[in-house]
Structure formats: C-alpha cells, structure tokens
Protein backbone atom coordinates (compact mmCIF):
# COMPACT_ATOMS: atom_id res chain seq x y z
CA MET A 1 0.00 0.00 0.00
CA THR A 2 1.38 3.40 -0.91
CA SER A 3 1.21 6.65 0.97
CA LYS A 4 -1.35 7.92 -1.56
CA ALA A 5 -3.89 5.44 -0.14
CA ILE A 6 -3.31 6.32 3.51
CA PRO A 7 -4.43 9.66 4.97
CA LEU A 8 -2.29 11.68 7.35
CA PRO A 9 -3.19 11.38 11.04
CA ASP A 10 -4.83 14.23 12.93
CA LEU A 11 -1.95 16.14 14.54
CA ALA A 12 -2.75 18.68 17.24
CA GLY A 13 0.72 20.21 17.40
CA PHE A 14 1.87 20.01 13.77
CA THR A 15 0.31 21.70 10.76
CA GLU A 16 1.03 22.31 7.10
CA ARG A 17 0.57 25.93 6.01
CA ASN A 18 1.12 27.12 2.47
CA GLY A 19 3.44 24.25 1.70
CA THR A 20 5.50 24.49 4.91
CA TRP A 21 5.19 22.25 7.98
CA TYR A 22 5.20 23.82 11.44
CA ALA A 23 5.64 22.62 14.99
CA GLU A 24 3.09 24.87 16.70
CA GLU A 25 4.38 28.33 15.59
CA ILE A 26 7.86 27.37 14.38
CA PRO A 27 8.71 26.11 10.86
CA LEU A 28 10.29 22.67 11.04
CA SER A 29 12.99 23.87 8.65
CA ASP A 30 14.06 26.46 11.24
CA LEU A 31 14.36 23.74 13.89
CA ALA A 32 16.48 21.59 11.58
CA LYS A 33 18.71 24.56 10.78
CA GLU A 34 19.23 25.40 14.47
CA PHE A 35 19.46 21.94 16.01
CA GLY A 36 20.49 19.64 13.14
CA THR A 37 19.10 16.30 12.03
CA PRO A 38 18.04 13.65 12.85
CA LEU A 39 15.90 15.49 15.40
CA TYR A 40 12.97 14.50 17.58
CA VAL A 41 10.42 17.31 17.94
CA TYR A 42 7.54 17.29 20.45
CA SER A 43 4.60 19.63 20.87
CA LYS A 44 3.63 20.67 24.40
CA LYS A 45 0.19 21.65 23.07
CA ALA A 46 -0.42 18.15 21.73
CA LEU A 47 0.72 16.51 24.98
CA THR A 48 -1.58 18.77 26.99
CA GLU A 49 -4.65 18.25 24.79
CA ALA A 50 -4.28 14.45 24.84
CA TYR A 51 -3.98 14.42 28.63
CA GLN A 52 -6.98 16.68 29.06
CA ALA A 53 -9.05 14.40 26.81
CA TYR A 54 -8.54 11.61 29.35
CA ASP A 55 -8.95 13.82 32.41
CA LYS A 56 -12.24 15.20 31.11
CA ALA A 57 -13.78 11.74 31.46
CA CYS A 58 -12.09 11.12 34.82
CA VAL A 59 -14.27 13.73 36.55
CA ASP A 60 -18.08 13.42 36.64
CA SER A 61 -20.65 16.19 36.28
CA SER A 62 -20.64 16.86 40.03
CA GLY A 63 -16.87 17.31 40.08
CA LYS A 64 -16.15 13.95 41.72
CA ARG A 65 -13.00 12.25 40.44
CA ARG A 66 -13.80 8.84 38.95
CA ALA A 67 -10.31 7.84 37.86
CA ARG A 68 -6.73 9.06 37.61
CA VAL A 69 -4.26 8.92 34.75
CA HIS A 70 -0.92 7.23 35.44
CA TYR A 71 1.16 7.90 32.34
CA ALA A 72 3.00 4.81 31.05
CA MET A 73 6.52 6.19 30.95
CA LYS A 74 7.87 3.46 28.70
CA ALA A 75 6.24 5.20 25.72
CA ASN A 76 8.45 8.29 26.14
CA SER A 77 10.41 8.87 29.34
CA ASN A 78 12.13 12.19 28.59
CA LEU A 79 12.17 14.27 31.77
CA ALA A 80 10.48 17.24 30.09
CA VAL A 81 7.66 15.01 28.84
CA ILE A 82 6.98 13.40 32.21
CA ASP A 83 7.32 16.74 34.00
CA CYS A 84 4.68 18.18 31.67
CA PHE A 85 2.29 15.38 32.67
CA LYS A 86 3.15 15.67 36.35
CA LYS A 87 2.21 19.36 36.28
CA LEU A 88 -1.10 18.41 34.65
CA GLY A 89 -1.84 16.08 37.57
CA SER A 90 -0.69 12.71 36.22
CA GLY A 91 0.65 9.78 38.17
CA PHE A 92 3.00 7.29 36.50
CA ASP A 93 3.18 3.65 35.46
CA LEU A 94 6.77 2.38 35.79
CA VAL A 95 8.43 -0.80 34.51
CA SER A 96 12.01 -0.45 35.80
CA GLY A 97 14.18 1.02 38.53
CA GLY A 98 15.40 3.51 35.94
CA GLU A 99 11.87 4.76 35.29
CA LEU A 100 11.31 5.02 39.04
CA ALA A 101 14.42 7.22 39.27
CA ARG A 102 13.15 9.40 36.42
CA ALA A 103 9.77 9.90 38.08
CA LEU A 104 11.38 10.85 41.38
CA ALA A 105 13.81 13.17 39.57
CA VAL A 106 10.90 15.38 38.41
CA GLY A 107 9.38 15.41 41.89
CA ALA A 108 6.56 12.94 41.35
CA ASP A 109 4.69 11.96 44.51
CA PRO A 110 5.68 8.33 45.28
CA LYS A 111 2.03 7.61 46.08
CA SER A 112 1.26 8.43 42.43
CA LEU A 113 3.57 5.65 41.17
CA VAL A 114 2.55 2.14 40.17
CA PHE A 115 5.50 -0.22 39.64
CA ALA A 116 4.80 -2.82 36.94
CA GLY A 117 7.00 -5.04 34.77
CA VAL A 118 7.33 -8.77 34.28
CA GLY A 119 10.84 -9.29 35.73
CA LYS A 120 11.51 -6.95 38.65
CA SER A 121 14.80 -7.62 40.41
CA ALA A 122 15.10 -7.73 44.21
CA HIS A 123 17.01 -4.45 44.03
CA GLU A 124 14.22 -2.79 42.02
CA ILE A 125 11.58 -4.08 44.43
CA ALA A 126 13.57 -2.66 47.33
CA GLN A 127 13.88 0.69 45.55
CA ALA A 128 10.13 0.81 45.01
CA LEU A 129 9.30 -0.10 48.62
CA GLN A 130 11.81 2.37 50.03
CA ALA A 131 10.42 5.11 47.80
CA GLY A 132 6.89 4.35 49.07
CA VAL A 133 5.13 3.65 45.77
CA LYS A 134 1.36 3.35 45.59
CA CYS A 135 1.47 -0.26 44.47
CA ILE A 136 3.61 -3.01 42.94
CA ASN A 137 1.86 -5.02 40.24
CA VAL A 138 2.71 -8.71 40.67
CA GLU A 139 3.30 -10.78 37.53
CA SER A 140 3.88 -14.26 39.01
CA ILE A 141 3.68 -16.32 42.19
CA ALA A 142 7.49 -16.40 42.29
CA GLU A 143 7.61 -12.60 42.16
CA LEU A 144 4.99 -12.38 44.92
CA HIS A 145 7.25 -14.37 47.23
CA GLN A 146 10.27 -12.30 46.23
CA ILE A 147 8.41 -9.11 47.17
CA ASN A 148 7.52 -10.62 50.54
CA ARG A 149 11.17 -11.58 51.18
CA VAL A 150 12.41 -8.09 50.28
CA ALA A 151 9.74 -6.44 52.44
CA THR A 152 10.71 -8.72 55.35
CA LYS A 153 14.36 -7.67 55.04
CA LEU A 154 13.32 -4.02 54.96
CA ASN A 155 10.77 -4.51 57.76
CA CYS A 156 8.02 -2.80 55.77
CA ARG A 157 4.65 -3.57 54.22
CA ALA A 158 4.39 -4.16 50.48
CA PRO A 159 1.19 -2.91 48.77
CA ILE A 160 0.45 -5.17 45.81
CA SER A 161 -2.02 -5.92 43.09
CA LEU A 162 -2.01 -8.95 40.86
CA ARG A 163 -1.81 -8.51 37.12
CA VAL A 164 -4.48 -10.71 35.61
CA ASN A 165 -3.93 -12.33 32.24
CA PRO A 166 -7.57 -12.59 31.09
CA ASP A 167 -6.84 -14.50 27.84
CA VAL A 168 -8.50 -11.76 25.76
CA ASP A 169 -7.43 -11.08 22.19
CA ALA A 170 -6.55 -7.37 21.93
CA GLN A 171 -6.66 -7.59 18.10
CA THR A 172 -3.29 -5.91 17.75
CA HIS A 173 0.21 -6.83 16.51
CA PRO A 174 1.32 -10.09 18.17
CA TYR A 175 4.52 -8.45 19.47
CA ILE A 176 2.47 -5.96 21.52
CA SER A 177 -0.31 -8.26 22.66
CA THR A 178 -0.04 -8.91 26.40
CA GLY A 179 -3.37 -10.42 27.49
CA LEU A 180 -3.41 -13.85 25.83
CA LYS A 181 -2.53 -17.00 27.74
CA GLY A 182 0.46 -17.52 25.43
CA ASN A 183 1.96 -14.13 26.43
CA LYS A 184 4.57 -13.79 29.18
CA PHE A 185 2.59 -11.18 31.10
CA GLY A 186 0.41 -11.54 34.17
CA ILE A 187 -1.03 -14.43 36.15
CA ALA A 188 -3.24 -16.91 34.30
CA TYR A 189 -6.92 -16.23 34.90
CA HIS A 190 -7.54 -19.67 36.45
CA GLU A 191 -4.66 -19.12 38.88
CA VAL A 192 -5.64 -15.65 40.11
CA LEU A 193 -7.94 -16.56 43.01
CA LYS A 194 -5.45 -19.09 44.37
CA THR A 195 -2.66 -16.52 44.13
CA TYR A 196 -4.70 -13.85 45.95
CA ARG A 197 -5.39 -16.37 48.75
CA GLU A 198 -1.66 -17.04 48.97
CA ALA A 199 -0.86 -13.31 48.96
CA ALA A 200 -3.33 -12.66 51.80
CA LEU A 201 -1.43 -15.12 54.01
CA LEU A 202 2.04 -13.65 53.47
CA SER A 203 3.48 -11.75 56.40
CA GLN A 204 4.49 -8.47 54.70
CA ILE A 205 1.97 -8.25 51.88
CA ASP A 206 -0.98 -5.85 51.72
CA VAL A 207 -3.43 -6.72 48.94
CA VAL A 208 -4.73 -3.39 47.64
CA GLY A 209 -5.68 -3.81 43.98
CA ILE A 210 -6.14 -5.78 40.80
CA ASP A 211 -4.56 -5.00 37.44
CA CYS A 212 -5.14 -5.90 33.81
CA HIS A 213 -3.32 -4.86 30.64
CA ILE A 214 -4.10 -6.60 27.35
CA GLY A 215 -1.84 -4.95 24.80
CA SER A 216 -0.85 -1.85 22.87
CA GLN A 217 -2.12 0.02 19.80
CA ILE A 218 -5.64 -1.28 20.37
CA THR A 219 -8.25 0.43 18.20
CA ASN A 220 -11.38 -1.42 19.33
CA THR A 221 -13.16 -0.90 22.66
CA SER A 222 -14.67 -4.40 22.88
CA PRO A 223 -11.51 -6.23 24.06
CA TYR A 224 -11.24 -3.80 26.96
CA LEU A 225 -14.84 -4.44 27.98
CA ASP A 226 -14.36 -8.20 27.71
CA ALA A 227 -11.27 -8.04 29.93
CA LEU A 228 -12.94 -5.62 32.36
CA ASP A 229 -15.94 -7.89 32.84
CA LYS A 230 -13.67 -10.85 33.60
CA VAL A 231 -11.66 -8.81 36.12
CA LEU A 232 -14.79 -7.54 37.87
CA GLU A 233 -16.01 -11.13 38.27
CA LEU A 234 -12.78 -11.82 40.12
CA VAL A 235 -13.31 -8.79 42.38
CA THR A 236 -16.77 -10.14 43.25
CA GLN A 237 -15.38 -13.57 44.09
CA LEU A 238 -12.56 -12.09 46.17
CA LYS A 239 -15.00 -10.07 48.24
CA LYS A 240 -16.95 -13.26 49.05
CA GLU A 241 -13.70 -14.69 50.41
CA GLY A 242 -13.02 -11.64 52.54
CA ILE A 243 -10.31 -10.17 50.30
CA GLU A 244 -11.12 -6.51 49.68
CA ILE A 245 -9.84 -4.77 46.53
CA HIS A 246 -9.34 -1.01 46.85
CA HIS A 247 -8.26 -0.06 43.36
CA LEU A 248 -8.81 -1.32 39.84
CA ASP A 249 -6.02 -0.75 37.32
CA LEU A 250 -7.45 -0.89 33.80
CA GLY A 251 -4.06 -0.55 32.09
CA GLY A 252 -3.48 1.34 28.89
CA GLY A 253 -2.95 0.34 25.29
CA LEU A 254 -5.38 2.60 23.44
CA GLY A 255 -4.11 3.09 19.91
CA ILE A 256 -3.58 6.22 17.84
CA SER A 257 -4.06 6.96 14.19
CA TYR A 258 -0.86 6.46 12.23
CA GLY A 259 -2.84 7.04 9.06
CA ASP A 260 -5.72 4.70 8.31
CA ASP A 261 -6.20 3.48 11.90
CA ASN A 262 -9.50 4.51 13.47
CA PRO A 263 -9.21 4.39 17.26
CA PRO A 264 -12.09 5.59 19.43
CA ASP A 265 -12.13 9.15 20.76
CA ILE A 266 -10.14 9.26 24.01
CA THR A 267 -12.88 10.86 26.10
CA GLU A 268 -15.63 8.59 24.72
CA PHE A 269 -13.45 5.53 25.23
CA THR A 270 -12.65 6.46 28.82
CA ASN A 271 -16.30 7.20 29.58
CA THR A 272 -17.29 3.82 28.17
CA LEU A 273 -14.90 1.98 30.50
CA LEU A 274 -15.71 4.02 33.59
CA ASN A 275 -19.44 3.79 32.99
CA ARG A 276 -19.16 0.01 32.73
CA VAL A 277 -17.34 -0.07 36.08
CA ALA A 278 -20.11 2.03 37.67
CA GLU A 279 -22.92 0.02 36.04
CA ARG A 280 -21.46 -3.18 37.48
CA GLY A 281 -21.53 -1.65 40.98
CA PHE A 282 -17.82 -0.93 41.40
CA GLY A 283 -17.85 2.83 41.15
CA HIS A 284 -16.49 3.05 44.71
CA LEU A 285 -13.13 1.64 43.63
CA ASP A 286 -10.11 3.85 42.99
CA ILE A 287 -9.66 3.55 39.19
CA VAL A 288 -6.21 3.77 37.59
CA LEU A 289 -5.69 4.34 33.84
CA GLU A 290 -2.28 3.82 32.25
CA PRO A 291 -2.23 5.44 28.79
CA GLY A 292 1.09 5.84 27.01
CA ARG A 293 1.02 5.88 23.22
CA SER A 294 -2.31 7.75 23.07
CA LEU A 295 -0.78 10.61 25.10
CA VAL A 296 2.49 11.04 23.22
CA GLY A 297 2.36 9.19 19.89
CA ASN A 298 1.02 12.00 17.72
CA ALA A 299 2.70 14.68 19.83
CA GLY A 300 6.10 13.99 18.29
CA LEU A 301 7.85 13.57 14.95
CA LEU A 302 11.31 12.77 13.66
CA LEU A 303 13.02 15.24 11.33
CA THR A 304 15.50 13.82 8.85
CA GLN A 305 17.46 15.07 5.83
CA VAL A 306 17.59 13.41 2.43
CA GLU A 307 21.20 12.42 1.73
CA TYR A 308 20.82 10.63 -1.60
CA LEU A 309 18.21 9.59 -4.14
CA LYS A 310 19.20 6.20 -5.51
CA PRO A 311 17.35 4.65 -8.47
CA GLY A 312 17.37 0.86 -8.50
CA ALA A 313 16.41 -1.98 -10.82
CA GLU A 314 13.23 -2.76 -8.85
CA LYS A 315 12.97 0.09 -6.33
CA ASN A 316 14.00 3.68 -5.87
CA PHE A 317 15.59 4.55 -2.56
CA CYS A 318 15.42 7.81 -0.64
CA ILE A 319 18.41 7.55 1.70
CA VAL A 320 18.08 9.78 4.78
CA ASP A 321 20.24 10.53 7.81
CA ALA A 322 17.80 8.86 10.23
CA ALA A 323 17.67 5.09 10.51
CA MET A 324 16.36 2.13 12.50
CA THR A 325 18.71 3.36 15.23
CA GLU A 326 16.51 6.45 15.63
CA LEU A 327 13.12 4.83 14.93
CA MET A 328 12.97 1.06 15.40
CA ARG A 329 9.23 0.52 14.93
CA PRO A 330 9.21 -0.03 11.14
CA ALA A 331 12.03 -2.59 11.33
CA LEU A 332 10.63 -4.29 14.43
CA TYR A 333 6.88 -4.29 13.71
CA GLU A 334 6.69 -3.32 10.05
CA ALA A 335 4.94 -0.27 11.46
CA TYR A 336 3.60 2.48 9.24
CA HIS A 337 4.51 6.14 9.83
CA GLY A 338 3.35 9.00 7.63
CA ILE A 339 6.27 10.73 5.89
CA VAL A 340 5.96 14.22 4.41
CA PRO A 341 8.36 16.73 2.86
CA VAL A 342 8.82 19.63 5.26
CA GLN A 343 8.48 22.07 2.33
CA THR A 344 6.47 21.43 -0.81
CA LYS A 345 8.58 21.65 -3.98
CA GLN A 346 7.61 21.75 -7.62
CA VAL A 347 9.69 18.73 -8.61
CA THR A 348 8.74 15.42 -10.16
CA SER A 349 7.53 12.91 -7.60
CA SER A 350 8.62 9.28 -7.54
CA THR A 351 7.90 6.22 -5.47
CA TYR A 352 10.65 5.54 -2.91
CA ASP A 353 11.55 3.26 -0.08
CA VAL A 354 12.77 5.65 2.62
CA VAL A 355 15.84 4.01 4.16
CA GLY A 356 18.68 4.87 6.50
CA PRO A 357 22.46 4.42 6.45
CA VAL A 358 22.59 1.43 8.85
CA CYS A 359 24.04 -1.76 7.38
CA GLU A 360 20.87 -3.88 7.62
CA SER A 361 18.33 -4.70 4.92
CA GLY A 362 15.70 -4.10 7.60
CA ASP A 363 16.80 -0.48 7.99
CA TRP A 364 13.80 1.20 6.45
CA LEU A 365 11.43 3.92 7.66
CA GLY A 366 8.76 3.77 4.96
CA ARG A 367 8.08 1.67 1.87
CA ASP A 368 6.56 2.70 -1.45
CA ARG A 369 6.11 6.37 -0.60
CA GLN A 370 5.22 8.88 -3.30
CA LEU A 371 7.54 11.83 -2.61
CA ALA A 372 8.51 14.97 -4.50
CA VAL A 373 11.97 15.52 -3.03
CA GLU A 374 15.56 16.39 -3.90
CA GLU A 375 18.82 15.67 -2.12
CA GLY A 376 19.21 17.97 0.86
CA ASP A 377 15.45 18.26 1.49
CA LEU A 378 13.91 17.63 4.89
CA LEU A 379 11.34 14.94 5.68
CA ALA A 380 9.11 14.70 8.73
CA ILE A 381 8.36 11.19 9.96
CA LEU A 382 5.06 11.58 11.77
CA SER A 383 3.54 9.90 14.83
CA ALA A 384 6.96 9.25 16.34
CA GLY A 385 6.36 10.52 19.87
CA ALA A 386 5.78 7.04 21.33
CA TYR A 387 8.32 4.23 21.23
CA GLY A 388 10.64 6.42 19.19
CA PHE A 389 13.62 7.82 21.03
CA VAL A 390 13.11 5.42 23.95
CA MET A 391 13.88 2.49 21.62
CA ALA A 392 16.82 4.21 19.91
CA SER A 393 20.23 2.54 19.86
CA ASN A 394 23.87 3.25 19.09
CA TYR A 395 24.19 0.43 16.56
CA ASN A 396 26.90 1.18 13.96
CA THR A 397 28.32 3.61 16.56
CA ARG A 398 25.68 6.18 15.73
CA PRO A 399 25.09 8.97 18.27
CA LYS A 400 21.52 9.37 19.44
CA PRO A 401 19.67 12.46 18.20
CA ALA A 402 18.66 15.57 20.11
CA GLU A 403 15.11 16.03 21.41
CA ILE A 404 13.28 19.36 21.24
CA MET A 405 10.07 20.52 22.93
CA VAL A 406 8.14 23.29 21.18
CA ASP A 407 5.84 25.52 23.20
CA GLY A 408 4.18 28.09 20.94
CA LYS A 409 6.96 30.24 19.46
CA ASN A 410 9.65 28.78 21.71
CA ALA A 411 11.79 25.68 21.29
CA TYR A 412 13.73 24.04 24.12
CA VAL A 413 16.47 21.44 23.98
CA ILE A 414 15.27 18.66 26.28
CA ARG A 415 18.06 16.24 25.37
CA THR A 416 21.36 17.24 23.83
CA ARG A 417 22.68 15.39 20.80
CA GLU A 418 25.25 12.71 21.57
CA ASN A 419 28.65 12.85 19.95
CA VAL A 420 30.77 9.90 18.90
CA ALA A 421 33.23 10.36 21.75
CA ASP A 422 30.36 9.88 24.22
CA LEU A 423 29.78 6.40 22.83
CA PHE A 424 33.11 4.90 23.86
CA ALA A 425 34.05 7.15 26.78
CA SER A 426 33.34 4.30 29.25
CA GLU A 427 35.31 1.69 27.26
CA THR A 428 38.96 0.68 27.64
CA THR A 429 41.45 -1.31 25.64
CA LEU A 430 43.38 -4.21 27.16
CA PRO A 431 46.75 -3.43 28.80
CA ASN A 432 49.89 -4.08 26.76
C-alpha cells in the first residue's frame, strides 16, 4: 500500500501551512537549521490536549473524580515530557528502577507511582518499597514471594495488586499483545484466586488492587470491555472470600491513528470503561488508567534530511540521515509512519523506499512512498512521539539524536545530541 492510499493522522501540534510544515508556531525547517538532524520534535500543546481528553472523562458532572491517569513512561520517558504530565496532575506507570528514578527526579509523589513489569529484580523491588510507591503489580507467584522476602528484610509492608492475564485477544500486533494465555505477562486467569489467597497469608503483603493490561495500539473498545468484565467477576469472588480490593487498574494500550487506523475518541473511550465499572456496581473503587502511546504518539515527529536519491532496478531509494537506530518501529513491527516533505517543492515525484544508512536490509522507515523531493530536502516522519527515542540505539556507533520541545513560538532542547566520543568514553582497551 502506498502513501497515496493512507491519509495523514490528525496532529494537534503540527500543521502544514502554504506548503510548509510547522511545529506549533515554528517552521520545522528552522528547527532543523538550528538543532540539526536527525531530530525529535515534540509539541507541548499536543501533549496537553491528549492528557486533558482523558482527564475530562475522569471527573463526573458533580466534580467527583472517577479515575486518575498514570502515564505509562515506557512510551516516552524524557524528563520534560513526564514533567509536563506531572504538572497536569498525572501519576505514573513504571516498569524499571530507571523509570522510578526518572519519576522521582521530576518530583513525582511516590504515592502516584505504580510499579509494573514482568521481571523486577530484588534491588528494584527494594527501591520501590523504600520510595513508598502506591502499588507493585505482581506478575507471578514467584515474584509475589520475592516481594515478601524483600519487604521482610526491609521490615516494611508491600502494597500489591495482581496482574491478571484474562486471555482476551486485543486484536493488535502479536509483538504488543499482552493479554493472551500464550503471552509472558500476568497471572493466568484460572490461577488468580489461588494466588490472591496465597498473597493474603504472606506476612508483609498488603493486597490493595487488581490490574489488567491486554496490549498496545488497540483500536477497538470491545476487548477492553471483555477483559474488564472478567476482572470484575474476580473482584466479586474475592469479596466473598473476605479479600477486599481497593483499586482497579485498567491498564493502557489505546491506539492512535498512524494514518488509516480509526481508534475511538479518548474521552468517549474512557467514559465507556468508567461507565461500565459504575454500572457493574464498582464505582467506589479507585480507578487507575495507564495510557502511554495515546498521550504522546502524535505529539512527536522525527526530522531527517535526504542524503541521496538512488534509483534501482526494482525500487527507488530515498536515503536519509535517520535510521532504524533512531526509529525502530518499522524494522521491528513493520509499522507504518506517515512521511511528508517539510516544504512542498515543484519537482517530479517518484515512489521511494525511505531508508537509513545502517548496514541492515531491515533499515527502512517507509516503503513505497510517493515523494517529491531532492537531495538535501527535509522529511518529517510523523507519529513518532511514542516508542521512538526510547527504543533508539547506538548500533553502527551512531550517536543518538537531540530532542526538542516546542511551546508556541519557543523551542527548548530537552536532550542534547550525543557525539561519537560519548559512545566509547566508558570503554577501555586491554593493557599491553
């Protein structure tokens, strides 16, 4: 499928005006000139609007808070991004000790932090308990016992919830599906009640919640409702056994439009879930939402410069200075990202595979794209705010790009560009 058949996504912070693309009020070409390429560019306006779309549904007509957003930092963990959300009132979903450190570095309230992740080390568990996080999501019986051992050594209580694997098909890419029984995540549905009973008997464990997360880039509400209903049945059964659940973590995973995707409206989607919780008689529970991609995905793009146009026997190649090292998603998932020239030019268009300089056949950013470009032109790779920079690598000894946050007419460097010397500064050769 070519780019001609796929529309551009709706972008709150990026617009095309008279043939020139802007980040809020700044031409992208000006940003490239000042900060170089490849370059990640984020819009504060877009981040704010996406967050407010969730928060609008989290408060009812009487002003009572029904739920709270805990941003899934794995999608984009830049300090400026998470600080923006903290100031808007967000808590955070964490999956590593490193993400815990980032959240604390911007002054996040530890009680706004939920520590998730399938393979937490004893050291990470200790860090979370010592910080005083709201909850640790447990992924296995073995991890449950590890948490109890760590809490015993620290002489503290460990607030936990169990992550339920409901065996629900999220109808997404298999690499980002997390709620099927063949996935590594969570505790099998038929094992959950037994595990809660075991948790309730452990000396340092406080059972406080229940958690479910079924995948990422989900564009259909029905899998969420299926999983929610199964989780609420468990809450009902637990209550009969005298195990009280205080919060319900509905996870994240709502998709965005990369082009022809059609995800539900954020506010409508959130209302649908929260209304189902209330209708089932669980409106008294503290509700946690963990959006990631839907908050940041379309709030960022990757700027890159065309190095060469290379005609081939079967394909034409547009070789740019960005690569799979900057944006892994196309190589990893065969993911689609819209690609547009930063400035419209009256030149003949051709169909290109947009590829990078990395020495891998899988180093491509877009296939079969109709582009009117010349060498030296700038391209914007859209919808790159989620799972972009956070998945970047130094393969081929390539320095990671800079990151910029645009706020109206102002642009701020929120991560400086690496240089080559940075990449081997911690290495040594063997002694003679």
